[in-house]
Amino acid sequence: MIIIKTDEEIQIMREGGKILSKLLEELKQLIKPGISTLELDRFAYDYIISSGAKPSFLHYNGFPASLCISLNEVLIHGIPKEDIIIKEGDVVSIDAGIYYKGYHTDAARTYAIGNVDKIITKLINITEKSFFEGIKFAKAGNRLSDISAAIERTVVDAGFYVVREYVGHGIGKNLHEEPSIPNYGKPGNGPILRKGMVFAIEPMVLQKSPRVKTRSDGWTVAATNGLTTAHYENTIVITENEPEILTI
């Protein structure tokens, strides 16, 4: 069942989304060569707690950190560690969630550190663009797969691939709620979108192949071909008109 949020619930999520957006901006300034992913995670934990919120990811199904930090070929769920040091030329994806006054918000960004190949810049830009192309269809009366189809079309037309094993999701009192939101599919399918639905839309994009593998830690998901990946996510609300992005 897709849970329709009240105006009061959406206002709380709006406040949480502002905290999360500011956190991501702070992290963007901190991501430089020489910093460890664990340092970033510790900063995020302190920032979230001091903002009156809690990290959504910490201890979620046993996840050991406040952030997912994924470098280069790692697509999602990278675990921050003291010995993972960011260096020039890395591509860093940060996925963060906060729990504020009983509601979750979720967002992700991918950053290039210094100079990278043009294809990597294109990959990052297309991943973000596909999110915005997708939410053009996030309007009451449309079908859920209209969003998915637009994301896939944008990615495939650029010569890239969307992962199929991992998807976006509804969000609210629970971090993951119905519905699942693939980044692929044919338009005109799935539930009809209604005002008050809240979704985490998150294109996850790979080069040359959509194949991924979970590493031995049980969390880290990486491209099997070792090529750089990208991830972009925001929490949005379906309104009577254009969708509202809560995490920008």
C-alpha atoms as a PDB file:
ATOM      1  CA  MET A   1       0.000   0.000   0.000  1.00  0.00           C
ATOM      2  CA  ILE A   2       1.288   3.459  -0.900  1.00  0.00           C
ATOM      3  CA  ILE A   3       0.903   5.772   2.086  1.00  0.00           C
ATOM      4  CA  ILE A   4      -0.482   9.232   1.337  1.00  0.00           C
ATOM      5  CA  LYS A   5       1.083  11.852   3.590  1.00  0.00           C
ATOM      6  CA  THR A   6      -0.879  14.670   5.182  1.00  0.00           C
ATOM      7  CA  ASP A   7       0.162  18.303   4.840  1.00  0.00           C
ATOM      8  CA  GLU A   8       1.463  18.154   8.412  1.00  0.00           C
ATOM      9  CA  GLU A   9       3.581  15.100   7.681  1.00  0.00           C
ATOM     10  CA  ILE A  10       4.965  16.676   4.518  1.00  0.00           C
ATOM     11  CA  GLN A  11       5.917  19.796   6.465  1.00  0.00           C
ATOM     12  CA  ILE A  12       7.952  17.686   8.877  1.00  0.00           C
ATOM     13  CA  MET A  13       9.643  15.945   5.943  1.00  0.00           C
ATOM     14  CA  ARG A  14      10.264  19.343   4.361  1.00  0.00           C
ATOM     15  CA  GLU A  15      12.101  20.432   7.521  1.00  0.00           C
ATOM     16  CA  GLY A  16      14.075  17.198   7.558  1.00  0.00           C
ATOM     17  CA  GLY A  17      14.891  17.612   3.896  1.00  0.00           C
ATOM     18  CA  LYS A  18      16.413  21.021   4.564  1.00  0.00           C
ATOM     19  CA  ILE A  19      18.699  19.529   7.196  1.00  0.00           C
ATOM     20  CA  LEU A  20      19.752  16.784   4.785  1.00  0.00           C
ATOM     21  CA  SER A  21      20.344  19.234   1.938  1.00  0.00           C
ATOM     22  CA  LYS A  22      22.563  21.393   4.133  1.00  0.00           C
ATOM     23  CA  LEU A  23      24.484  18.318   5.272  1.00  0.00           C
ATOM     24  CA  LEU A  24      25.229  17.344   1.685  1.00  0.00           C
ATOM     25  CA  GLU A  25      26.449  20.865   0.943  1.00  0.00           C
ATOM     26  CA  GLU A  26      28.758  20.718   3.971  1.00  0.00           C
ATOM     27  CA  LEU A  27      30.094  17.326   2.888  1.00  0.00           C
ATOM     28  CA  LYS A  28      30.708  18.618  -0.633  1.00  0.00           C
ATOM     29  CA  GLN A  29      33.095  21.204   0.820  1.00  0.00           C
ATOM     30  CA  LEU A  30      34.895  18.590   2.912  1.00  0.00           C
ATOM     31  CA  ILE A  31      35.517  16.042   0.157  1.00  0.00           C
ATOM     32  CA  LYS A  32      39.116  16.643  -0.802  1.00  0.00           C
ATOM     33  CA  PRO A  33      42.174  14.470  -1.460  1.00  0.00           C
ATOM     34  CA  GLY A  34      43.598  13.119   1.793  1.00  0.00           C
ATOM     35  CA  ILE A  35      40.387  12.845   3.788  1.00  0.00           C
ATOM     36  CA  SER A  36      39.150   9.415   4.795  1.00  0.00           C
ATOM     37  CA  THR A  37      35.596   8.282   4.240  1.00  0.00           C
ATOM     38  CA  LEU A  38      35.371   7.579   7.966  1.00  0.00           C
ATOM     39  CA  GLU A  39      36.127  11.245   8.712  1.00  0.00           C
ATOM     40  CA  LEU A  40      33.242  12.245   6.470  1.00  0.00           C
ATOM     41  CA  ASP A  41      30.981   9.771   8.219  1.00  0.00           C
ATOM     42  CA  ARG A  42      31.907  11.087  11.665  1.00  0.00           C
ATOM     43  CA  PHE A  43      31.226  14.650  10.531  1.00  0.00           C
ATOM     44  CA  ALA A  44      27.833  13.608   9.187  1.00  0.00           C
ATOM     45  CA  TYR A  45      26.887  11.844  12.420  1.00  0.00           C
ATOM     46  CA  ASP A  46      27.750  14.893  14.522  1.00  0.00           C
ATOM     47  CA  TYR A  47      25.947  17.233  12.114  1.00  0.00           C
ATOM     48  CA  ILE A  48      22.782  15.141  12.060  1.00  0.00           C
ATOM     49  CA  ILE A  49      22.653  14.718  15.841  1.00  0.00           C
ATOM     50  CA  SER A  50      23.319  18.416  16.455  1.00  0.00           C
ATOM     51  CA  SER A  51      20.429  19.225  14.103  1.00  0.00           C
ATOM     52  CA  GLY A  52      17.983  17.310  16.273  1.00  0.00           C
ATOM     53  CA  ALA A  53      17.775  14.342  13.901  1.00  0.00           C
ATOM     54  CA  LYS A  54      19.183  10.817  13.729  1.00  0.00           C
ATOM     55  CA  PRO A  55      21.043   9.018  10.926  1.00  0.00           C
ATOM     56  CA  SER A  56      18.574   6.820   9.038  1.00  0.00           C
ATOM     57  CA  PHE A  57      21.234   4.373   7.891  1.00  0.00           C
ATOM     58  CA  LEU A  58      23.131   3.745  11.121  1.00  0.00           C
ATOM     59  CA  HIS A  59      22.313   0.181  12.273  1.00  0.00           C
ATOM     60  CA  TYR A  60      19.648  -0.166   9.545  1.00  0.00           C
ATOM     61  CA  ASN A  61      19.639  -3.931   8.933  1.00  0.00           C
ATOM     62  CA  GLY A  62      23.067  -3.910  10.551  1.00  0.00           C
ATOM     63  CA  PHE A  63      24.664  -1.183   8.420  1.00  0.00           C
ATOM     64  CA  PRO A  64      27.563   0.177  10.495  1.00  0.00           C
ATOM     65  CA  ALA A  65      27.667   3.848   9.442  1.00  0.00           C
ATOM     66  CA  SER A  66      25.666   7.063   9.016  1.00  0.00           C
ATOM     67  CA  LEU A  67      26.568   7.489   5.341  1.00  0.00           C
ATOM     68  CA  CYS A  68      27.002   5.212   2.367  1.00  0.00           C
ATOM     69  CA  ILE A  69      30.184   6.431   0.648  1.00  0.00           C
ATOM     70  CA  SER A  70      30.927   4.716  -2.652  1.00  0.00           C
ATOM     71  CA  LEU A  71      34.086   5.339  -4.680  1.00  0.00           C
ATOM     72  CA  ASN A  72      34.656   4.820  -8.395  1.00  0.00           C
ATOM     73  CA  GLU A  73      33.353   1.375  -9.411  1.00  0.00           C
ATOM     74  CA  VAL A  74      31.323   1.052  -6.202  1.00  0.00           C
ATOM     75  CA  LEU A  75      27.741   1.926  -7.077  1.00  0.00           C
ATOM     76  CA  ILE A  76      26.013   1.954  -3.682  1.00  0.00           C
ATOM     77  CA  HIS A  77      26.301   0.956  -0.001  1.00  0.00           C
ATOM     78  CA  GLY A  78      30.017   1.612   0.394  1.00  0.00           C
ATOM     79  CA  ILE A  79      31.018   1.423   4.073  1.00  0.00           C
ATOM     80  CA  PRO A  80      33.107   4.363   5.370  1.00  0.00           C
ATOM     81  CA  LYS A  81      36.509   3.273   6.673  1.00  0.00           C
ATOM     82  CA  GLU A  82      39.597   4.903   8.108  1.00  0.00           C
ATOM     83  CA  ASP A  83      41.845   3.374   5.461  1.00  0.00           C
ATOM     84  CA  ILE A  84      39.755   4.497   2.471  1.00  0.00           C
ATOM     85  CA  ILE A  85      41.441   7.788   1.612  1.00  0.00           C
ATOM     86  CA  ILE A  86      40.004   9.966  -1.128  1.00  0.00           C
ATOM     87  CA  LYS A  87      42.512  10.958  -3.785  1.00  0.00           C
ATOM     88  CA  GLU A  88      42.707  13.158  -6.850  1.00  0.00           C
ATOM     89  CA  GLY A  89      40.691  11.711  -9.733  1.00  0.00           C
ATOM     90  CA  ASP A  90      38.317   9.704  -7.556  1.00  0.00           C
ATOM     91  CA  VAL A  91      34.567   9.758  -8.056  1.00  0.00           C
ATOM     92  CA  VAL A  92      32.720   9.824  -4.742  1.00  0.00           C
ATOM     93  CA  SER A  93      29.030   9.073  -4.241  1.00  0.00           C
ATOM     94  CA  ILE A  94      27.507  10.022  -0.914  1.00  0.00           C
ATOM     95  CA  ASP A  95      24.110   8.652   0.071  1.00  0.00           C
ATOM     96  CA  ALA A  96      22.608  10.097   3.262  1.00  0.00           C
ATOM     97  CA  GLY A  97      19.352   9.729   5.141  1.00  0.00           C
ATOM     98  CA  ILE A  98      18.017  11.397   8.242  1.00  0.00           C
ATOM     99  CA  TYR A  99      15.201  10.593  10.644  1.00  0.00           C
ATOM    100  CA  TYR A 100      13.565  13.777  11.897  1.00  0.00           C
ATOM    101  CA  LYS A 101      10.472  13.987  14.112  1.00  0.00           C
ATOM    102  CA  GLY A 102       9.413  10.494  13.081  1.00  0.00           C
ATOM    103  CA  TYR A 103      10.023  10.745   9.312  1.00  0.00           C
ATOM    104  CA  HIS A 104      12.881   9.870   6.977  1.00  0.00           C
ATOM    105  CA  THR A 105      14.321  11.751   4.029  1.00  0.00           C
ATOM    106  CA  ASP A 106      16.951  10.330   1.670  1.00  0.00           C
ATOM    107  CA  ALA A 107      19.301  11.852  -0.923  1.00  0.00           C
ATOM    108  CA  ALA A 108      22.522  11.097  -2.805  1.00  0.00           C
ATOM    109  CA  ARG A 109      25.105  12.997  -4.826  1.00  0.00           C
ATOM    110  CA  THR A 110      28.137  12.025  -6.912  1.00  0.00           C
ATOM    111  CA  TYR A 111      31.224  14.241  -7.061  1.00  0.00           C
ATOM    112  CA  ALA A 112      34.374  14.144  -9.177  1.00  0.00           C
ATOM    113  CA  ILE A 113      37.503  14.989  -7.189  1.00  0.00           C
ATOM    114  CA  GLY A 114      39.751  17.115  -9.378  1.00  0.00           C
ATOM    115  CA  ASN A 115      40.228  16.299 -13.033  1.00  0.00           C
ATOM    116  CA  VAL A 116      38.528  13.227 -14.502  1.00  0.00           C
ATOM    117  CA  ASP A 117      37.970  11.899 -18.011  1.00  0.00           C
ATOM    118  CA  LYS A 118      35.241  13.516 -20.099  1.00  0.00           C
ATOM    119  CA  ILE A 119      33.271  10.275 -20.087  1.00  0.00           C
ATOM    120  CA  ILE A 120      33.175  10.369 -16.273  1.00  0.00           C
ATOM    121  CA  THR A 121      31.943  13.959 -16.280  1.00  0.00           C
ATOM    122  CA  LYS A 122      29.272  12.950 -18.754  1.00  0.00           C
ATOM    123  CA  LEU A 123      28.304   9.958 -16.599  1.00  0.00           C
ATOM    124  CA  ILE A 124      27.809  12.130 -13.515  1.00  0.00           C
ATOM    125  CA  ASN A 125      25.888  14.778 -15.432  1.00  0.00           C
ATOM    126  CA  ILE A 126      23.601  12.277 -17.166  1.00  0.00           C
ATOM    127  CA  THR A 127      22.820  10.545 -13.890  1.00  0.00           C
ATOM    128  CA  GLU A 128      21.656  13.839 -12.390  1.00  0.00           C
ATOM    129  CA  LYS A 129      19.873  14.841 -15.590  1.00  0.00           C
ATOM    130  CA  SER A 130      17.962  11.555 -15.668  1.00  0.00           C
ATOM    131  CA  PHE A 131      16.510  12.317 -12.235  1.00  0.00           C
ATOM    132  CA  PHE A 132      15.162  15.654 -13.448  1.00  0.00           C
ATOM    133  CA  GLU A 133      13.867  14.134 -16.686  1.00  0.00           C
ATOM    134  CA  GLY A 134      12.113  11.478 -14.620  1.00  0.00           C
ATOM    135  CA  ILE A 135      10.372  13.857 -12.251  1.00  0.00           C
ATOM    136  CA  LYS A 136       8.898  15.798 -15.144  1.00  0.00           C
ATOM    137  CA  PHE A 137       6.375  12.950 -15.065  1.00  0.00           C
ATOM    138  CA  ALA A 138       5.953  12.954 -11.276  1.00  0.00           C
ATOM    139  CA  LYS A 139       2.516  14.535 -11.444  1.00  0.00           C
ATOM    140  CA  ALA A 140      -0.849  13.508 -10.103  1.00  0.00           C
ATOM    141  CA  GLY A 141      -2.697  11.423 -12.670  1.00  0.00           C
ATOM    142  CA  ASN A 142       0.400   9.995 -14.339  1.00  0.00           C
ATOM    143  CA  ARG A 143       1.586   6.421 -13.818  1.00  0.00           C
ATOM    144  CA  LEU A 144       4.587   5.503 -11.709  1.00  0.00           C
ATOM    145  CA  SER A 145       6.387   3.880 -14.630  1.00  0.00           C
ATOM    146  CA  ASP A 146       6.262   7.170 -16.526  1.00  0.00           C
ATOM    147  CA  ILE A 147       9.020   8.345 -14.168  1.00  0.00           C
ATOM    148  CA  SER A 148      10.994   5.114 -14.599  1.00  0.00           C
ATOM    149  CA  ALA A 149      10.760   5.160 -18.384  1.00  0.00           C
ATOM    150  CA  ALA A 150      12.014   8.736 -18.629  1.00  0.00           C
ATOM    151  CA  ILE A 151      15.010   7.941 -16.444  1.00  0.00           C
ATOM    152  CA  GLU A 152      15.927   4.896 -18.505  1.00  0.00           C
ATOM    153  CA  ARG A 153      15.462   6.734 -21.802  1.00  0.00           C
ATOM    154  CA  THR A 154      17.795   9.541 -20.711  1.00  0.00           C
ATOM    155  CA  VAL A 155      20.477   7.132 -19.520  1.00  0.00           C
ATOM    156  CA  VAL A 156      20.313   4.746 -22.477  1.00  0.00           C
ATOM    157  CA  ASP A 157      20.262   7.543 -25.051  1.00  0.00           C
ATOM    158  CA  ALA A 158      23.549   8.749 -23.531  1.00  0.00           C
ATOM    159  CA  GLY A 159      25.120   5.304 -23.920  1.00  0.00           C
ATOM    160  CA  PHE A 160      24.948   4.220 -20.274  1.00  0.00           C
ATOM    161  CA  TYR A 161      23.051   1.600 -18.257  1.00  0.00           C
ATOM    162  CA  VAL A 162      20.764   1.614 -15.228  1.00  0.00           C
ATOM    163  CA  VAL A 163      21.144  -1.039 -12.564  1.00  0.00           C
ATOM    164  CA  ARG A 164      18.134  -3.361 -12.344  1.00  0.00           C
ATOM    165  CA  GLU A 165      18.638  -5.023  -8.982  1.00  0.00           C
ATOM    166  CA  TYR A 166      18.281  -1.794  -6.984  1.00  0.00           C
ATOM    167  CA  VAL A 167      15.474   0.750  -7.155  1.00  0.00           C
ATOM    168  CA  GLY A 168      14.000   3.890  -5.641  1.00  0.00           C
ATOM    169  CA  HIS A 169      11.243   3.672  -3.062  1.00  0.00           C
ATOM    170  CA  GLY A 170       8.486   5.291  -1.115  1.00  0.00           C
ATOM    171  CA  ILE A 171       9.579   6.958   2.101  1.00  0.00           C
ATOM    172  CA  GLY A 172       8.053   8.370   5.277  1.00  0.00           C
ATOM    173  CA  LYS A 173       7.766   6.844   8.736  1.00  0.00           C
ATOM    174  CA  ASN A 174       9.837   4.002   7.290  1.00  0.00           C
ATOM    175  CA  LEU A 175      12.996   4.468   5.271  1.00  0.00           C
ATOM    176  CA  HIS A 176      11.728   2.084   2.612  1.00  0.00           C
ATOM    177  CA  GLU A 177       8.008   2.058   1.868  1.00  0.00           C
ATOM    178  CA  GLU A 178       5.881   1.049  -1.072  1.00  0.00           C
ATOM    179  CA  PRO A 179       6.193   1.435  -3.978  1.00  0.00           C
ATOM    180  CA  SER A 180       9.458   0.190  -5.442  1.00  0.00           C
ATOM    181  CA  ILE A 181      10.518   2.594  -8.197  1.00  0.00           C
ATOM    182  CA  PRO A 182      12.732   1.048 -10.901  1.00  0.00           C
ATOM    183  CA  ASN A 183      14.901   3.227 -13.107  1.00  0.00           C
ATOM    184  CA  TYR A 184      13.635   1.356 -16.155  1.00  0.00           C
ATOM    185  CA  GLY A 185      10.367   0.246 -17.698  1.00  0.00           C
ATOM    186  CA  LYS A 186       7.623   1.136 -20.148  1.00  0.00           C
ATOM    187  CA  PRO A 187       5.434   4.182 -19.557  1.00  0.00           C
ATOM    188  CA  GLY A 188       1.783   3.833 -18.660  1.00  0.00           C
ATOM    189  CA  ASN A 189       2.161   1.114 -16.023  1.00  0.00           C
ATOM    190  CA  GLY A 190       2.004   0.894 -12.265  1.00  0.00           C
ATOM    191  CA  PRO A 191       0.018   2.889  -9.713  1.00  0.00           C
ATOM    192  CA  ILE A 192      -1.592   6.198 -10.581  1.00  0.00           C
ATOM    193  CA  LEU A 193       0.260   9.037  -8.881  1.00  0.00           C
ATOM    194  CA  ARG A 194      -1.702  10.967  -6.274  1.00  0.00           C
ATOM    195  CA  LYS A 195      -1.114  14.154  -4.316  1.00  0.00           C
ATOM    196  CA  GLY A 196       0.672  13.394  -1.040  1.00  0.00           C
ATOM    197  CA  MET A 197       2.743  10.459  -2.256  1.00  0.00           C
ATOM    198  CA  VAL A 198       6.403  10.811  -1.238  1.00  0.00           C
ATOM    199  CA  PHE A 199       9.163   9.044  -3.158  1.00  0.00           C
ATOM    200  CA  ALA A 200      12.941   8.692  -3.096  1.00  0.00           C
ATOM    201  CA  ILE A 201      13.873   8.727  -6.783  1.00  0.00           C
ATOM    202  CA  GLU A 202      17.448   7.534  -7.360  1.00  0.00           C
ATOM    203  CA  PRO A 203      19.047   6.818 -10.721  1.00  0.00           C
ATOM    204  CA  MET A 204      22.064   4.494 -10.362  1.00  0.00           C
ATOM    205  CA  VAL A 205      24.082   4.435 -13.579  1.00  0.00           C
ATOM    206  CA  LEU A 206      26.894   2.286 -14.973  1.00  0.00           C
ATOM    207  CA  GLN A 207      29.155   2.170 -18.019  1.00  0.00           C
ATOM    208  CA  LYS A 208      29.127  -0.550 -20.690  1.00  0.00           C
ATOM    209  CA  SER A 209      27.189  -3.067 -18.598  1.00  0.00           C
ATOM    210  CA  PRO A 210      24.478  -3.041 -15.907  1.00  0.00           C
ATOM    211  CA  ARG A 211      26.048  -5.972 -14.058  1.00  0.00           C
ATOM    212  CA  VAL A 212      26.947  -5.555 -10.399  1.00  0.00           C
ATOM    213  CA  LYS A 213      28.206  -7.769  -7.601  1.00  0.00           C
ATOM    214  CA  THR A 214      27.898  -7.521  -3.824  1.00  0.00           C
ATOM    215  CA  ARG A 215      31.269  -7.826  -2.131  1.00  0.00           C
ATOM    216  CA  SER A 216      32.110 -10.080   0.807  1.00  0.00           C
ATOM    217  CA  ASP A 217      31.092  -7.482   3.414  1.00  0.00           C
ATOM    218  CA  GLY A 218      27.495  -8.083   2.364  1.00  0.00           C
ATOM    219  CA  TRP A 219      26.874  -4.409   1.592  1.00  0.00           C
ATOM    220  CA  THR A 220      29.219  -2.945  -1.006  1.00  0.00           C
ATOM    221  CA  VAL A 221      27.731  -3.163  -4.508  1.00  0.00           C
ATOM    222  CA  ALA A 222      30.199  -2.578  -7.358  1.00  0.00           C
ATOM    223  CA  ALA A 223      30.272  -2.743 -11.150  1.00  0.00           C
ATOM    224  CA  THR A 224      31.641  -6.117 -12.208  1.00  0.00           C
ATOM    225  CA  ASN A 225      33.661  -4.503 -15.011  1.00  0.00           C
ATOM    226  CA  GLY A 226      35.438  -2.141 -12.615  1.00  0.00           C
ATOM    227  CA  LEU A 227      34.294   1.005 -14.417  1.00  0.00           C
ATOM    228  CA  THR A 228      33.203   4.165 -12.623  1.00  0.00           C
ATOM    229  CA  THR A 229      29.536   4.496 -11.619  1.00  0.00           C
ATOM    230  CA  ALA A 230      27.264   7.338 -10.460  1.00  0.00           C
ATOM    231  CA  HIS A 231      24.259   7.815  -8.171  1.00  0.00           C
ATOM    232  CA  TYR A 232      21.863  10.745  -7.707  1.00  0.00           C
ATOM    233  CA  GLU A 233      18.816  10.881  -5.432  1.00  0.00           C
ATOM    234  CA  ASN A 234      16.245  13.203  -3.924  1.00  0.00           C
ATOM    235  CA  THR A 235      13.093  12.840  -1.868  1.00  0.00           C
ATOM    236  CA  ILE A 236      10.098  14.321  -3.696  1.00  0.00           C
ATOM    237  CA  VAL A 237       6.410  14.932  -3.035  1.00  0.00           C
ATOM    238  CA  ILE A 238       3.621  14.569  -5.579  1.00  0.00           C
ATOM    239  CA  THR A 239       1.520  17.746  -5.533  1.00  0.00           C
ATOM    240  CA  GLU A 240      -1.414  19.051  -7.550  1.00  0.00           C
ATOM    241  CA  ASN A 241       1.100  20.626  -9.922  1.00  0.00           C
ATOM    242  CA  GLU A 242       4.860  20.185 -10.257  1.00  0.00           C
ATOM    243  CA  PRO A 243       6.591  17.810  -7.824  1.00  0.00           C
ATOM    244  CA  GLU A 244       8.293  19.356  -4.817  1.00  0.00           C
ATOM    245  CA  ILE A 245      11.876  18.318  -4.123  1.00  0.00           C
ATOM    246  CA  LEU A 246      12.426  18.184  -0.365  1.00  0.00           C
ATOM    247  CA  THR A 247      16.191  17.602  -0.374  1.00  0.00           C
ATOM    248  CA  ILE A 248      17.486  20.507  -2.480  1.00  0.00           C
END
